[in-house]
Amino acid sequence: MNNIVYWAGTFALGCFVFALACAVIRMLRGPTAPDRILALDTMYINGMLILLVLGLQFNSSLYFDIALLISLFGFVGSVAMAKFLLRGEVIEP
């Protein structure tokens, strides 16, 4: 792998880990429930991006499949949490 691409990937990985740490702090200290839900959204997006960068650095397609699953489950979870906050229940009778 090219030396510049390696260092760019390493820098991007560091930035995503820092953003993930900031989202964890916001989730723990968030004053309201919507703040915590947005922090969880940010956490799953940053986790997905970390896996994508690792997939590029290790040249493995398995990381991309796992990132796709994380994005799907994260979206469904975000929709369920938002619906719960709005209506108080996820599945309506």
C-alpha atoms as a PDB file:
ATOM      1  CA  MET A   1       0.000   0.000   0.000  1.00  0.00           C
ATOM      2  CA  ASN A   2       1.157   3.480  -0.730  1.00  0.00           C
ATOM      3  CA  ASN A   3       2.738   5.291   2.206  1.00  0.00           C
ATOM      4  CA  ILE A   4       0.468   8.357   1.873  1.00  0.00           C
ATOM      5  CA  VAL A   5      -2.668   6.217   1.792  1.00  0.00           C
ATOM      6  CA  TYR A   6      -1.521   4.369   4.913  1.00  0.00           C
ATOM      7  CA  TRP A   7      -0.935   7.573   6.870  1.00  0.00           C
ATOM      8  CA  ALA A   8      -4.188   9.110   5.636  1.00  0.00           C
ATOM      9  CA  GLY A   9      -6.046   6.011   6.803  1.00  0.00           C
ATOM     10  CA  THR A  10      -4.321   6.126  10.157  1.00  0.00           C
ATOM     11  CA  PHE A  11      -5.208   9.806  10.572  1.00  0.00           C
ATOM     12  CA  ALA A  12      -8.831   9.131   9.595  1.00  0.00           C
ATOM     13  CA  LEU A  13      -8.971   6.237  12.049  1.00  0.00           C
ATOM     14  CA  GLY A  14      -7.713   8.492  14.833  1.00  0.00           C
ATOM     15  CA  CYS A  15     -10.290  11.164  13.980  1.00  0.00           C
ATOM     16  CA  PHE A  16     -13.131   8.634  13.994  1.00  0.00           C
ATOM     17  CA  VAL A  17     -12.023   7.198  17.335  1.00  0.00           C
ATOM     18  CA  PHE A  18     -11.899  10.712  18.789  1.00  0.00           C
ATOM     19  CA  ALA A  19     -15.397  11.427  17.460  1.00  0.00           C
ATOM     20  CA  LEU A  20     -16.612   8.147  18.953  1.00  0.00           C
ATOM     21  CA  ALA A  21     -15.182   9.138  22.337  1.00  0.00           C
ATOM     22  CA  CYS A  22     -16.928  12.529  22.122  1.00  0.00           C
ATOM     23  CA  ALA A  23     -20.216  10.787  21.318  1.00  0.00           C
ATOM     24  CA  VAL A  24     -19.794   8.472  24.317  1.00  0.00           C
ATOM     25  CA  ILE A  25     -19.295  11.485  26.569  1.00  0.00           C
ATOM     26  CA  ARG A  26     -22.419  13.132  25.111  1.00  0.00           C
ATOM     27  CA  MET A  27     -24.412   9.943  25.613  1.00  0.00           C
ATOM     28  CA  LEU A  28     -23.362   9.704  29.260  1.00  0.00           C
ATOM     29  CA  ARG A  29     -23.828  13.399  30.074  1.00  0.00           C
ATOM     30  CA  GLY A  30     -26.664  14.272  27.704  1.00  0.00           C
ATOM     31  CA  PRO A  31     -29.286  16.372  29.459  1.00  0.00           C
ATOM     32  CA  THR A  32     -32.248  14.983  27.482  1.00  0.00           C
ATOM     33  CA  ALA A  33     -33.229  11.717  25.857  1.00  0.00           C
ATOM     34  CA  PRO A  34     -33.053  13.102  22.273  1.00  0.00           C
ATOM     35  CA  ASP A  35     -29.453  14.150  22.929  1.00  0.00           C
ATOM     36  CA  ARG A  36     -28.645  10.603  23.967  1.00  0.00           C
ATOM     37  CA  ILE A  37     -30.346   9.161  20.886  1.00  0.00           C
ATOM     38  CA  LEU A  38     -28.372  11.474  18.612  1.00  0.00           C
ATOM     39  CA  ALA A  39     -25.203  10.404  20.413  1.00  0.00           C
ATOM     40  CA  LEU A  40     -26.095   6.754  19.740  1.00  0.00           C
ATOM     41  CA  ASP A  41     -26.638   7.595  16.063  1.00  0.00           C
ATOM     42  CA  THR A  42     -23.251   9.236  15.952  1.00  0.00           C
ATOM     43  CA  MET A  43     -21.693   6.247  17.694  1.00  0.00           C
ATOM     44  CA  TYR A  44     -22.969   3.700  15.212  1.00  0.00           C
ATOM     45  CA  ILE A  45     -21.960   5.890  12.268  1.00  0.00           C
ATOM     46  CA  ASN A  46     -18.458   6.346  13.683  1.00  0.00           C
ATOM     47  CA  GLY A  47     -18.199   2.623  14.400  1.00  0.00           C
ATOM     48  CA  MET A  48     -19.179   1.894  10.824  1.00  0.00           C
ATOM     49  CA  LEU A  49     -16.595   4.362   9.508  1.00  0.00           C
ATOM     50  CA  ILE A  50     -13.893   2.845  11.715  1.00  0.00           C
ATOM     51  CA  LEU A  51     -14.650  -0.574  10.244  1.00  0.00           C
ATOM     52  CA  LEU A  52     -14.530   0.813   6.709  1.00  0.00           C
ATOM     53  CA  VAL A  53     -11.110   2.367   7.283  1.00  0.00           C
ATOM     54  CA  LEU A  54      -9.859  -0.880   8.836  1.00  0.00           C
ATOM     55  CA  GLY A  55     -11.198  -2.762   5.811  1.00  0.00           C
ATOM     56  CA  LEU A  56      -9.191  -0.485   3.539  1.00  0.00           C
ATOM     57  CA  GLN A  57      -6.028  -0.815   5.602  1.00  0.00           C
ATOM     58  CA  PHE A  58      -6.197  -4.600   5.997  1.00  0.00           C
ATOM     59  CA  ASN A  59      -7.544  -5.130   2.465  1.00  0.00           C
ATOM     60  CA  SER A  60     -10.347  -7.393   3.656  1.00  0.00           C
ATOM     61  CA  SER A  61     -13.939  -7.415   2.445  1.00  0.00           C
ATOM     62  CA  LEU A  62     -15.257  -8.865   5.715  1.00  0.00           C
ATOM     63  CA  TYR A  63     -15.072  -5.438   7.364  1.00  0.00           C
ATOM     64  CA  PHE A  64     -17.335  -3.976   4.668  1.00  0.00           C
ATOM     65  CA  ASP A  65     -19.996  -6.623   5.268  1.00  0.00           C
ATOM     66  CA  ILE A  66     -19.919  -5.983   9.007  1.00  0.00           C
ATOM     67  CA  ALA A  67     -20.151  -2.215   8.404  1.00  0.00           C
ATOM     68  CA  LEU A  68     -23.228  -2.789   6.248  1.00  0.00           C
ATOM     69  CA  LEU A  69     -24.890  -4.785   9.026  1.00  0.00           C
ATOM     70  CA  ILE A  70     -24.051  -2.112  11.599  1.00  0.00           C
ATOM     71  CA  SER A  71     -25.580   0.582   9.402  1.00  0.00           C
ATOM     72  CA  LEU A  72     -28.785  -1.417   8.870  1.00  0.00           C
ATOM     73  CA  PHE A  73     -29.265  -2.283  12.531  1.00  0.00           C
ATOM     74  CA  GLY A  74     -28.324   1.232  13.607  1.00  0.00           C
ATOM     75  CA  PHE A  75     -30.917   2.789  11.318  1.00  0.00           C
ATOM     76  CA  VAL A  76     -33.667   0.450  12.522  1.00  0.00           C
ATOM     77  CA  GLY A  77     -32.691   1.094  16.140  1.00  0.00           C
ATOM     78  CA  SER A  78     -32.719   4.857  15.625  1.00  0.00           C
ATOM     79  CA  VAL A  79     -36.164   4.759  14.069  1.00  0.00           C
ATOM     80  CA  ALA A  80     -37.478   2.592  16.916  1.00  0.00           C
ATOM     81  CA  MET A  81     -36.046   4.899  19.584  1.00  0.00           C
ATOM     82  CA  ALA A  82     -37.403   8.009  17.884  1.00  0.00           C
ATOM     83  CA  LYS A  83     -40.848   6.438  17.596  1.00  0.00           C
ATOM     84  CA  PHE A  84     -40.711   5.440  21.253  1.00  0.00           C
ATOM     85  CA  LEU A  85     -39.881   9.017  22.275  1.00  0.00           C
ATOM     86  CA  LEU A  86     -42.706  10.455  20.174  1.00  0.00           C
ATOM     87  CA  ARG A  87     -45.484   8.025  21.029  1.00  0.00           C
ATOM     88  CA  GLY A  88     -44.352   6.089  24.086  1.00  0.00           C
ATOM     89  CA  GLU A  89     -44.504   2.720  22.333  1.00  0.00           C
ATOM     90  CA  VAL A  90     -42.707   1.097  19.452  1.00  0.00           C
ATOM     91  CA  ILE A  91     -45.353  -1.352  18.212  1.00  0.00           C
ATOM     92  CA  GLU A  92     -48.830   0.065  18.040  1.00  0.00           C
ATOM     93  CA  PRO A  93     -51.737  -2.276  18.832  1.00  0.00           C
END
